[in-house]
Amino acid sequence: MDTRLSIYKALLSMLFAGWGRLSVEERRRRQRFYDHFSPNNSDFMEIVIGSRCVPALHILPDKPSTAKLLYLHGGAYVLGMTTNHINLCGEIANRTDCDVFIPKYHLAPEDPFPAALHDVTDAYQAILTGNTENLPIIIGGDSAGGGLVLALIQKINKQKLQKPACVFLLSPWTDLTLSSRTVQANRKKDPVLTPQGLKEDARRYAGHHSLQNPFVSPIFSSLKDSPPMLIHVGSEEILLEDSISVAEKIRISGGRICLKVWQNMFHVFQMFPMLPQADEAINEIANFMTQQY
């Protein structure tokens, strides 16, 4: 393992030590504090999107746009987007020449399921309506945002909306019951997530709904008729099997799926551009996107 990666893992272990035992408000406060150490490298506009008037960030590429990306940030459904999310989307925008929209969807516990799903469905419909140039539309997301992407795909199919050209997911949280084998098997390796912390956030997000509701935990849906999909996940994550199981379901249903398990990597490592693996992963995402349009 290279030295930089070892240093990052050690730092993350320190930053996230006891994270799952903190209150949501304390984690939000710390997240704002950590953001001060991640300078914003991307230009964006703050807009309001859709009939639900959800605030969103709009990132434009340096060159004329050739596609539109709806990106759903992670944060266990209780935390908002970070500077790292914005910078990641800025990198994707400039490597693919796509417009990026990042909605600030409603968060639990104040606004549990299905508020976030309603927000992002509305945002997607607004992008469709405003797509007068008829550009390809892509959907991406990380962690909880990745699970939300899969729930949104179900909504798109159910409402018979135009499908996106493709989808990419980074370490998606797809099973809020936390019943997969790697939740326990990787708990001592994962420097970011803990089973107990996710268990509490799953409860906060689901509210009075079942954790097995397929719109809450997309692993319990058929995942039929999914668009072409790329999934990246780290080998040391407790959510590793969430990605493997989704990929297998899509394969069985006849969908096009590319799953890459990055060896020795941690949760959503793509947000750390100083790592060569992150740069390589973003290039893979960009290549996958542009191959679809």
C-alpha atoms as a PDB file:
ATOM      1  CA  MET A   1       0.000   0.000   0.000  1.00  0.00           C
ATOM      2  CA  ASP A   2       1.440   3.413  -0.932  1.00  0.00           C
ATOM      3  CA  THR A   3       2.347   5.969   1.726  1.00  0.00           C
ATOM      4  CA  ARG A   4      -0.204   8.603   0.708  1.00  0.00           C
ATOM      5  CA  LEU A   5      -3.056   6.113   0.926  1.00  0.00           C
ATOM      6  CA  SER A   6      -1.902   4.947   4.363  1.00  0.00           C
ATOM      7  CA  ILE A   7      -1.756   8.554   5.582  1.00  0.00           C
ATOM      8  CA  TYR A   8      -5.258   9.292   4.281  1.00  0.00           C
ATOM      9  CA  LYS A   9      -6.688   6.223   5.969  1.00  0.00           C
ATOM     10  CA  ALA A  10      -5.045   7.171   9.261  1.00  0.00           C
ATOM     11  CA  LEU A  11      -6.386  10.731   9.028  1.00  0.00           C
ATOM     12  CA  LEU A  12      -9.880   9.527   8.179  1.00  0.00           C
ATOM     13  CA  SER A  13      -9.819   7.090  11.083  1.00  0.00           C
ATOM     14  CA  MET A  14      -9.007   9.987  13.411  1.00  0.00           C
ATOM     15  CA  LEU A  15     -11.535  12.395  11.900  1.00  0.00           C
ATOM     16  CA  PHE A  16     -14.347   9.844  11.989  1.00  0.00           C
ATOM     17  CA  ALA A  17     -13.505   8.234  15.333  1.00  0.00           C
ATOM     18  CA  GLY A  18     -16.755   8.043  17.312  1.00  0.00           C
ATOM     19  CA  TRP A  19     -18.610   9.711  14.399  1.00  0.00           C
ATOM     20  CA  GLY A  20     -21.536   7.283  14.517  1.00  0.00           C
ATOM     21  CA  ARG A  21     -22.167   8.001  18.199  1.00  0.00           C
ATOM     22  CA  LEU A  22     -22.490  11.767  17.679  1.00  0.00           C
ATOM     23  CA  SER A  23     -25.821  13.509  17.319  1.00  0.00           C
ATOM     24  CA  VAL A  24     -26.866  14.598  13.852  1.00  0.00           C
ATOM     25  CA  GLU A  25     -26.413  18.251  14.804  1.00  0.00           C
ATOM     26  CA  GLU A  26     -22.883  17.647  16.098  1.00  0.00           C
ATOM     27  CA  ARG A  27     -21.952  15.817  12.893  1.00  0.00           C
ATOM     28  CA  ARG A  28     -23.339  18.681  10.833  1.00  0.00           C
ATOM     29  CA  ARG A  29     -21.299  21.133  12.883  1.00  0.00           C
ATOM     30  CA  ARG A  30     -18.128  19.097  12.400  1.00  0.00           C
ATOM     31  CA  GLN A  31     -18.845  18.726   8.702  1.00  0.00           C
ATOM     32  CA  ARG A  32     -18.986  22.524   8.346  1.00  0.00           C
ATOM     33  CA  PHE A  33     -15.701  22.758  10.259  1.00  0.00           C
ATOM     34  CA  TYR A  34     -14.006  20.143   8.069  1.00  0.00           C
ATOM     35  CA  ASP A  35     -15.161  22.026   4.966  1.00  0.00           C
ATOM     36  CA  HIS A  36     -12.836  24.876   5.935  1.00  0.00           C
ATOM     37  CA  PHE A  37      -9.897  22.582   5.161  1.00  0.00           C
ATOM     38  CA  SER A  38     -11.187  21.687   1.663  1.00  0.00           C
ATOM     39  CA  PRO A  39     -10.979  24.825  -0.476  1.00  0.00           C
ATOM     40  CA  ASN A  40     -13.675  25.130  -3.112  1.00  0.00           C
ATOM     41  CA  ASN A  41     -12.096  24.727  -6.552  1.00  0.00           C
ATOM     42  CA  SER A  42     -15.289  24.827  -8.639  1.00  0.00           C
ATOM     43  CA  ASP A  43     -17.347  27.740  -9.912  1.00  0.00           C
ATOM     44  CA  PHE A  44     -21.084  27.336  -9.415  1.00  0.00           C
ATOM     45  CA  MET A  45     -24.353  29.212  -9.252  1.00  0.00           C
ATOM     46  CA  GLU A  46     -26.986  28.732  -6.585  1.00  0.00           C
ATOM     47  CA  ILE A  47     -30.370  28.136  -8.172  1.00  0.00           C
ATOM     48  CA  VAL A  48     -33.825  26.839  -7.301  1.00  0.00           C
ATOM     49  CA  ILE A  49     -34.971  23.822  -9.246  1.00  0.00           C
ATOM     50  CA  GLY A  50     -38.372  22.236  -9.862  1.00  0.00           C
ATOM     51  CA  SER A  51     -41.881  22.901  -8.587  1.00  0.00           C
ATOM     52  CA  ARG A  52     -40.803  22.001  -5.040  1.00  0.00           C
ATOM     53  CA  CYS A  53     -38.308  24.911  -5.209  1.00  0.00           C
ATOM     54  CA  VAL A  54     -35.379  22.839  -3.986  1.00  0.00           C
ATOM     55  CA  PRO A  55     -32.109  24.816  -3.721  1.00  0.00           C
ATOM     56  CA  ALA A  56     -29.378  23.408  -5.941  1.00  0.00           C
ATOM     57  CA  LEU A  57     -25.868  24.128  -7.148  1.00  0.00           C
ATOM     58  CA  HIS A  58     -25.345  24.465 -10.878  1.00  0.00           C
ATOM     59  CA  ILE A  59     -21.799  23.819 -12.135  1.00  0.00           C
ATOM     60  CA  LEU A  60     -20.943  24.699 -15.728  1.00  0.00           C
ATOM     61  CA  PRO A  61     -17.999  23.162 -17.595  1.00  0.00           C
ATOM     62  CA  ASP A  62     -15.250  25.290 -19.115  1.00  0.00           C
ATOM     63  CA  LYS A  63     -16.418  24.341 -22.631  1.00  0.00           C
ATOM     64  CA  PRO A  64     -19.934  24.342 -24.133  1.00  0.00           C
ATOM     65  CA  SER A  65     -22.126  21.698 -22.489  1.00  0.00           C
ATOM     66  CA  THR A  66     -22.658  18.381 -24.249  1.00  0.00           C
ATOM     67  CA  ALA A  67     -24.745  16.686 -21.518  1.00  0.00           C
ATOM     68  CA  LYS A  68     -26.528  17.271 -18.209  1.00  0.00           C
ATOM     69  CA  LEU A  69     -25.748  15.480 -14.945  1.00  0.00           C
ATOM     70  CA  LEU A  70     -28.045  15.278 -11.934  1.00  0.00           C
ATOM     71  CA  TYR A  71     -25.752  14.402  -9.011  1.00  0.00           C
ATOM     72  CA  LEU A  72     -27.156  13.236  -5.663  1.00  0.00           C
ATOM     73  CA  HIS A  73     -24.732  13.724  -2.782  1.00  0.00           C
ATOM     74  CA  GLY A  74     -24.209  11.300   0.079  1.00  0.00           C
ATOM     75  CA  GLY A  75     -24.372  11.904   3.807  1.00  0.00           C
ATOM     76  CA  ALA A  76     -26.423   9.008   5.235  1.00  0.00           C
ATOM     77  CA  TYR A  77     -29.594  11.007   4.411  1.00  0.00           C
ATOM     78  CA  VAL A  78     -28.919  13.290   7.395  1.00  0.00           C
ATOM     79  CA  LEU A  79     -25.942  15.398   6.222  1.00  0.00           C
ATOM     80  CA  GLY A  80     -25.779  17.934   3.414  1.00  0.00           C
ATOM     81  CA  MET A  81     -23.308  18.249   0.567  1.00  0.00           C
ATOM     82  CA  THR A  82     -19.679  19.088   1.288  1.00  0.00           C
ATOM     83  CA  THR A  83     -17.010  21.045  -0.544  1.00  0.00           C
ATOM     84  CA  ASN A  84     -15.558  17.679  -1.550  1.00  0.00           C
ATOM     85  CA  HIS A  85     -18.825  16.830  -3.326  1.00  0.00           C
ATOM     86  CA  ILE A  86     -18.723  20.142  -5.180  1.00  0.00           C
ATOM     87  CA  ASN A  87     -15.101  19.711  -6.238  1.00  0.00           C
ATOM     88  CA  LEU A  88     -15.734  16.142  -7.407  1.00  0.00           C
ATOM     89  CA  CYS A  89     -18.633  17.337  -9.553  1.00  0.00           C
ATOM     90  CA  GLY A  90     -16.477  20.175 -10.898  1.00  0.00           C
ATOM     91  CA  GLU A  91     -13.871  17.651 -11.997  1.00  0.00           C
ATOM     92  CA  ILE A  92     -16.519  15.519 -13.691  1.00  0.00           C
ATOM     93  CA  ALA A  93     -18.009  18.589 -15.391  1.00  0.00           C
ATOM     94  CA  ASN A  94     -14.702  19.633 -16.931  1.00  0.00           C
ATOM     95  CA  ARG A  95     -13.695  16.114 -18.001  1.00  0.00           C
ATOM     96  CA  THR A  96     -17.039  15.448 -19.702  1.00  0.00           C
ATOM     97  CA  ASP A  97     -18.182  18.953 -20.715  1.00  0.00           C
ATOM     98  CA  CYS A  98     -21.461  18.424 -18.860  1.00  0.00           C
ATOM     99  CA  ASP A  99     -23.709  20.727 -16.882  1.00  0.00           C
ATOM    100  CA  VAL A 100     -24.034  19.480 -13.276  1.00  0.00           C
ATOM    101  CA  PHE A 101     -26.994  20.023 -10.945  1.00  0.00           C
ATOM    102  CA  ILE A 102     -26.637  19.090  -7.254  1.00  0.00           C
ATOM    103  CA  PRO A 103     -29.944  19.469  -5.383  1.00  0.00           C
ATOM    104  CA  LYS A 104     -29.961  20.167  -1.653  1.00  0.00           C
ATOM    105  CA  TYR A 105     -32.692  17.637  -1.006  1.00  0.00           C
ATOM    106  CA  HIS A 106     -34.496  17.530   2.346  1.00  0.00           C
ATOM    107  CA  LEU A 107     -32.692  15.675   5.120  1.00  0.00           C
ATOM    108  CA  ALA A 108     -33.761  13.417   7.967  1.00  0.00           C
ATOM    109  CA  PRO A 109     -34.625  13.409  10.771  1.00  0.00           C
ATOM    110  CA  GLU A 110     -36.454  16.700  10.162  1.00  0.00           C
ATOM    111  CA  ASP A 111     -37.797  15.500   6.798  1.00  0.00           C
ATOM    112  CA  PRO A 112     -37.664  11.687   6.566  1.00  0.00           C
ATOM    113  CA  PHE A 113     -38.563   9.461   3.605  1.00  0.00           C
ATOM    114  CA  PRO A 114     -40.086  10.138   1.115  1.00  0.00           C
ATOM    115  CA  ALA A 115     -39.202  13.874   1.145  1.00  0.00           C
ATOM    116  CA  ALA A 116     -35.754  13.443  -0.447  1.00  0.00           C
ATOM    117  CA  LEU A 117     -37.119  11.129  -3.140  1.00  0.00           C
ATOM    118  CA  HIS A 118     -39.879  13.606  -3.992  1.00  0.00           C
ATOM    119  CA  ASP A 119     -37.265  16.386  -4.230  1.00  0.00           C
ATOM    120  CA  VAL A 120     -34.944  14.569  -6.612  1.00  0.00           C
ATOM    121  CA  THR A 121     -37.784  13.221  -8.757  1.00  0.00           C
ATOM    122  CA  ASP A 122     -39.045  16.780  -9.138  1.00  0.00           C
ATOM    123  CA  ALA A 123     -35.512  17.986  -9.932  1.00  0.00           C
ATOM    124  CA  TYR A 124     -35.137  15.339 -12.637  1.00  0.00           C
ATOM    125  CA  GLN A 125     -38.467  16.315 -14.191  1.00  0.00           C
ATOM    126  CA  ALA A 126     -37.353  19.965 -14.187  1.00  0.00           C
ATOM    127  CA  ILE A 127     -34.115  19.054 -15.983  1.00  0.00           C
ATOM    128  CA  LEU A 128     -36.112  17.088 -18.558  1.00  0.00           C
ATOM    129  CA  THR A 129     -38.453  20.034 -19.125  1.00  0.00           C
ATOM    130  CA  GLY A 130     -35.587  22.510 -19.424  1.00  0.00           C
ATOM    131  CA  ASN A 131     -33.571  20.319 -21.775  1.00  0.00           C
ATOM    132  CA  THR A 132     -34.500  22.253 -24.898  1.00  0.00           C
ATOM    133  CA  GLU A 133     -31.149  21.362 -26.495  1.00  0.00           C
ATOM    134  CA  ASN A 134     -32.082  17.658 -26.197  1.00  0.00           C
ATOM    135  CA  LEU A 135     -28.756  16.848 -24.545  1.00  0.00           C
ATOM    136  CA  PRO A 136     -28.123  13.439 -22.918  1.00  0.00           C
ATOM    137  CA  ILE A 137     -29.046  13.330 -19.220  1.00  0.00           C
ATOM    138  CA  ILE A 138     -27.009  11.317 -16.731  1.00  0.00           C
ATOM    139  CA  ILE A 139     -27.674  10.589 -13.058  1.00  0.00           C
ATOM    140  CA  GLY A 140     -24.909   9.948 -10.529  1.00  0.00           C
ATOM    141  CA  GLY A 141     -24.556   9.749  -6.792  1.00  0.00           C
ATOM    142  CA  ASP A 142     -22.463   8.556  -3.897  1.00  0.00           C
ATOM    143  CA  SER A 143     -23.260   6.613  -0.713  1.00  0.00           C
ATOM    144  CA  ALA A 144     -26.825   7.449   0.389  1.00  0.00           C
ATOM    145  CA  GLY A 145     -27.078   9.533  -2.775  1.00  0.00           C
ATOM    146  CA  GLY A 146     -26.301   6.376  -4.743  1.00  0.00           C
ATOM    147  CA  GLY A 147     -29.185   4.572  -3.084  1.00  0.00           C
ATOM    148  CA  LEU A 148     -31.376   7.577  -3.809  1.00  0.00           C
ATOM    149  CA  VAL A 149     -30.377   7.352  -7.481  1.00  0.00           C
ATOM    150  CA  LEU A 150     -31.669   3.767  -7.631  1.00  0.00           C
ATOM    151  CA  ALA A 151     -34.915   4.825  -5.945  1.00  0.00           C
ATOM    152  CA  LEU A 152     -35.222   7.639  -8.493  1.00  0.00           C
ATOM    153  CA  ILE A 153     -34.741   5.169 -11.373  1.00  0.00           C
ATOM    154  CA  GLN A 154     -37.705   3.199  -9.996  1.00  0.00           C
ATOM    155  CA  LYS A 155     -39.774   6.403  -9.949  1.00  0.00           C
ATOM    156  CA  ILE A 156     -38.728   7.237 -13.507  1.00  0.00           C
ATOM    157  CA  ASN A 157     -39.822   3.781 -14.674  1.00  0.00           C
ATOM    158  CA  LYS A 158     -43.074   3.923 -12.716  1.00  0.00           C
ATOM    159  CA  GLN A 159     -43.983   7.374 -14.061  1.00  0.00           C
ATOM    160  CA  LYS A 160     -42.806   6.450 -17.581  1.00  0.00           C
ATOM    161  CA  LEU A 161     -40.447   9.426 -17.761  1.00  0.00           C
ATOM    162  CA  GLN A 162     -37.601   9.627 -20.255  1.00  0.00           C
ATOM    163  CA  LYS A 163     -34.748   7.488 -18.958  1.00  0.00           C
ATOM    164  CA  PRO A 164     -31.261   8.857 -18.417  1.00  0.00           C
ATOM    165  CA  ALA A 165     -28.545   7.893 -20.883  1.00  0.00           C
ATOM    166  CA  CYS A 166     -26.616   6.204 -18.081  1.00  0.00           C
ATOM    167  CA  VAL A 167     -26.048   6.088 -14.327  1.00  0.00           C
ATOM    168  CA  PHE A 168     -22.949   5.939 -12.147  1.00  0.00           C
ATOM    169  CA  LEU A 169     -22.828   5.099  -8.449  1.00  0.00           C
ATOM    170  CA  LEU A 170     -19.980   5.551  -5.978  1.00  0.00           C
ATOM    171  CA  SER A 171     -20.158   3.250  -2.947  1.00  0.00           C
ATOM    172  CA  PRO A 172     -23.987   3.253  -2.945  1.00  0.00           C
ATOM    173  CA  TRP A 173     -25.907   2.495   0.248  1.00  0.00           C
ATOM    174  CA  THR A 174     -28.576   0.168  -1.103  1.00  0.00           C
ATOM    175  CA  ASP A 175     -29.586  -1.961   1.905  1.00  0.00           C
ATOM    176  CA  LEU A 176     -30.674   0.033   4.961  1.00  0.00           C
ATOM    177  CA  THR A 177     -31.371  -3.190   6.857  1.00  0.00           C
ATOM    178  CA  LEU A 178     -27.562  -3.588   7.001  1.00  0.00           C
ATOM    179  CA  SER A 179     -27.934  -7.330   6.519  1.00  0.00           C
ATOM    180  CA  SER A 180     -25.074  -7.832   4.080  1.00  0.00           C
ATOM    181  CA  ARG A 181     -22.070  -9.913   5.079  1.00  0.00           C
ATOM    182  CA  THR A 182     -19.480  -7.131   4.658  1.00  0.00           C
ATOM    183  CA  VAL A 183     -21.190  -4.846   7.190  1.00  0.00           C
ATOM    184  CA  GLN A 184     -19.614  -7.004   9.891  1.00  0.00           C
ATOM    185  CA  ALA A 185     -16.711  -8.520   7.944  1.00  0.00           C
ATOM    186  CA  ASN A 186     -15.217  -5.107   7.053  1.00  0.00           C
ATOM    187  CA  ARG A 187     -16.156  -3.164  10.171  1.00  0.00           C
ATOM    188  CA  LYS A 188     -12.554  -3.034  11.443  1.00  0.00           C
ATOM    189  CA  LYS A 189     -11.134  -2.071   8.035  1.00  0.00           C
ATOM    190  CA  ASP A 190     -13.535   0.738   7.148  1.00  0.00           C
ATOM    191  CA  PRO A 191     -12.082   4.082   8.357  1.00  0.00           C
ATOM    192  CA  VAL A 192     -15.269   6.053   7.670  1.00  0.00           C
ATOM    193  CA  LEU A 193     -18.482   4.105   8.330  1.00  0.00           C
ATOM    194  CA  THR A 194     -19.693   2.032  11.272  1.00  0.00           C
ATOM    195  CA  PRO A 195     -22.626  -0.396  11.435  1.00  0.00           C
ATOM    196  CA  GLN A 196     -24.067   1.291  14.522  1.00  0.00           C
ATOM    197  CA  GLY A 197     -23.917   4.774  13.017  1.00  0.00           C
ATOM    198  CA  LEU A 198     -25.621   3.662   9.816  1.00  0.00           C
ATOM    199  CA  LYS A 199     -28.249   1.739  11.770  1.00  0.00           C
ATOM    200  CA  GLU A 200     -29.318   4.926  13.557  1.00  0.00           C
ATOM    201  CA  ASP A 201     -29.341   6.979  10.361  1.00  0.00           C
ATOM    202  CA  ALA A 202     -31.354   4.309   8.549  1.00  0.00           C
ATOM    203  CA  ARG A 203     -33.975   4.539  11.280  1.00  0.00           C
ATOM    204  CA  ARG A 204     -33.989   8.344  11.073  1.00  0.00           C
ATOM    205  CA  TYR A 205     -34.444   8.291   7.302  1.00  0.00           C
ATOM    206  CA  ALA A 206     -37.062   5.546   7.055  1.00  0.00           C
ATOM    207  CA  GLY A 207     -39.267   7.032   9.779  1.00  0.00           C
ATOM    208  CA  HIS A 208     -42.386   4.891  10.055  1.00  0.00           C
ATOM    209  CA  HIS A 209     -41.681   3.115   6.754  1.00  0.00           C
ATOM    210  CA  SER A 210     -40.175  -0.356   6.529  1.00  0.00           C
ATOM    211  CA  LEU A 211     -36.437  -0.559   5.900  1.00  0.00           C
ATOM    212  CA  GLN A 212     -37.330  -3.187   3.297  1.00  0.00           C
ATOM    213  CA  ASN A 213     -39.430  -0.728   1.296  1.00  0.00           C
ATOM    214  CA  PRO A 214     -37.758  -0.886  -2.150  1.00  0.00           C
ATOM    215  CA  PHE A 215     -37.731   2.913  -2.383  1.00  0.00           C
ATOM    216  CA  VAL A 216     -35.870   3.050   0.952  1.00  0.00           C
ATOM    217  CA  SER A 217     -33.577   0.081   0.303  1.00  0.00           C
ATOM    218  CA  PRO A 218     -33.356  -0.381  -3.492  1.00  0.00           C
ATOM    219  CA  ILE A 219     -31.743  -3.796  -3.096  1.00  0.00           C
ATOM    220  CA  PHE A 220     -35.295  -5.060  -2.437  1.00  0.00           C
ATOM    221  CA  SER A 221     -36.501  -3.863  -5.842  1.00  0.00           C
ATOM    222  CA  SER A 222     -36.172  -5.895  -9.032  1.00  0.00           C
ATOM    223  CA  LEU A 223     -33.847  -3.281 -10.606  1.00  0.00           C
ATOM    224  CA  LYS A 224     -35.323  -4.246 -13.965  1.00  0.00           C
ATOM    225  CA  ASP A 225     -35.060  -1.788 -16.858  1.00  0.00           C
ATOM    226  CA  SER A 226     -32.093   0.035 -15.312  1.00  0.00           C
ATOM    227  CA  PRO A 227     -30.071   2.278 -17.665  1.00  0.00           C
ATOM    228  CA  PRO A 228     -26.430   1.356 -18.421  1.00  0.00           C
ATOM    229  CA  MET A 229     -24.683   1.594 -15.072  1.00  0.00           C
ATOM    230  CA  LEU A 230     -21.196   1.935 -13.613  1.00  0.00           C
ATOM    231  CA  ILE A 231     -20.557   1.169  -9.930  1.00  0.00           C
ATOM    232  CA  HIS A 232     -17.330   1.912  -8.050  1.00  0.00           C
ATOM    233  CA  VAL A 233     -16.764   0.616  -4.521  1.00  0.00           C
ATOM    234  CA  GLY A 234     -13.765   0.091  -2.240  1.00  0.00           C
ATOM    235  CA  SER A 235     -12.732  -3.371  -1.092  1.00  0.00           C
ATOM    236  CA  GLU A 236     -12.494  -2.268   2.557  1.00  0.00           C
ATOM    237  CA  GLU A 237     -15.977  -0.761   2.896  1.00  0.00           C
ATOM    238  CA  ILE A 238     -18.719  -2.157   5.065  1.00  0.00           C
ATOM    239  CA  LEU A 239     -21.017  -1.328   2.115  1.00  0.00           C
ATOM    240  CA  LEU A 240     -19.014  -3.437  -0.350  1.00  0.00           C
ATOM    241  CA  GLU A 241     -21.719  -6.086  -0.681  1.00  0.00           C
ATOM    242  CA  ASP A 242     -24.387  -3.428  -1.262  1.00  0.00           C
ATOM    243  CA  SER A 243     -22.706  -2.772  -4.612  1.00  0.00           C
ATOM    244  CA  ILE A 244     -21.991  -6.411  -5.441  1.00  0.00           C
ATOM    245  CA  SER A 245     -25.618  -7.423  -4.812  1.00  0.00           C
ATOM    246  CA  VAL A 246     -27.009  -4.591  -6.944  1.00  0.00           C
ATOM    247  CA  ALA A 247     -24.672  -5.465  -9.810  1.00  0.00           C
ATOM    248  CA  GLU A 248     -25.695  -9.116  -9.643  1.00  0.00           C
ATOM    249  CA  LYS A 249     -29.411  -8.227  -9.700  1.00  0.00           C
ATOM    250  CA  ILE A 250     -28.944  -6.016 -12.731  1.00  0.00           C
ATOM    251  CA  ARG A 251     -26.985  -8.730 -14.542  1.00  0.00           C
ATOM    252  CA  ILE A 252     -29.726 -11.268 -13.830  1.00  0.00           C
ATOM    253  CA  SER A 253     -32.362  -8.859 -15.167  1.00  0.00           C
ATOM    254  CA  GLY A 254     -30.403  -8.443 -18.396  1.00  0.00           C
ATOM    255  CA  GLY A 255     -29.189  -4.907 -17.757  1.00  0.00           C
ATOM    256  CA  ARG A 256     -25.821  -3.434 -18.681  1.00  0.00           C
ATOM    257  CA  ILE A 257     -23.651  -3.120 -15.577  1.00  0.00           C
ATOM    258  CA  CYS A 258     -19.956  -2.524 -14.940  1.00  0.00           C
ATOM    259  CA  LEU A 259     -18.823  -3.059 -11.337  1.00  0.00           C
ATOM    260  CA  LYS A 260     -15.297  -2.169 -10.260  1.00  0.00           C
ATOM    261  CA  VAL A 261     -14.053  -3.052  -6.776  1.00  0.00           C
ATOM    262  CA  TRP A 262     -11.054  -0.852  -5.992  1.00  0.00           C
ATOM    263  CA  GLN A 263      -8.572  -2.778  -3.904  1.00  0.00           C
ATOM    264  CA  ASN A 264      -7.531  -1.317  -0.521  1.00  0.00           C
ATOM    265  CA  MET A 265      -9.785   1.715  -1.047  1.00  0.00           C
ATOM    266  CA  PHE A 266     -12.246   3.343   1.335  1.00  0.00           C
ATOM    267  CA  HIS A 267     -15.714   4.868   1.095  1.00  0.00           C
ATOM    268  CA  VAL A 268     -16.078   7.395  -1.792  1.00  0.00           C
ATOM    269  CA  PHE A 269     -12.323   7.818  -2.170  1.00  0.00           C
ATOM    270  CA  GLN A 270     -13.007   9.687  -5.438  1.00  0.00           C
ATOM    271  CA  MET A 271     -13.520  12.855  -3.365  1.00  0.00           C
ATOM    272  CA  PHE A 272      -9.800  12.953  -2.482  1.00  0.00           C
ATOM    273  CA  PRO A 273      -8.109  14.151  -5.702  1.00  0.00           C
ATOM    274  CA  MET A 274      -4.597  14.025  -4.236  1.00  0.00           C
ATOM    275  CA  LEU A 275      -4.807  10.230  -4.456  1.00  0.00           C
ATOM    276  CA  PRO A 276      -3.815   8.824  -7.860  1.00  0.00           C
ATOM    277  CA  GLN A 277      -6.582   6.213  -7.504  1.00  0.00           C
ATOM    278  CA  ALA A 278      -9.140   9.024  -7.281  1.00  0.00           C
ATOM    279  CA  ASP A 279      -7.858  10.642 -10.467  1.00  0.00           C
ATOM    280  CA  GLU A 280      -7.958   7.282 -12.248  1.00  0.00           C
ATOM    281  CA  ALA A 281     -11.482   6.609 -10.995  1.00  0.00           C
ATOM    282  CA  ILE A 282     -12.777   9.999 -12.152  1.00  0.00           C
ATOM    283  CA  ASN A 283     -11.284   9.359 -15.584  1.00  0.00           C
ATOM    284  CA  GLU A 284     -13.123   6.015 -15.689  1.00  0.00           C
ATOM    285  CA  ILE A 285     -16.385   7.747 -14.765  1.00  0.00           C
ATOM    286  CA  ALA A 286     -15.832  10.408 -17.434  1.00  0.00           C
ATOM    287  CA  ASN A 287     -15.025   7.787 -20.087  1.00  0.00           C
ATOM    288  CA  PHE A 288     -18.105   5.758 -19.172  1.00  0.00           C
ATOM    289  CA  MET A 289     -20.330   8.825 -19.405  1.00  0.00           C
ATOM    290  CA  THR A 290     -19.016  10.061 -22.742  1.00  0.00           C
ATOM    291  CA  GLN A 291     -19.231   6.588 -24.286  1.00  0.00           C
ATOM    292  CA  GLN A 292     -23.012   6.723 -23.772  1.00  0.00           C
ATOM    293  CA  TYR A 293     -23.597   9.877 -25.840  1.00  0.00           C
END
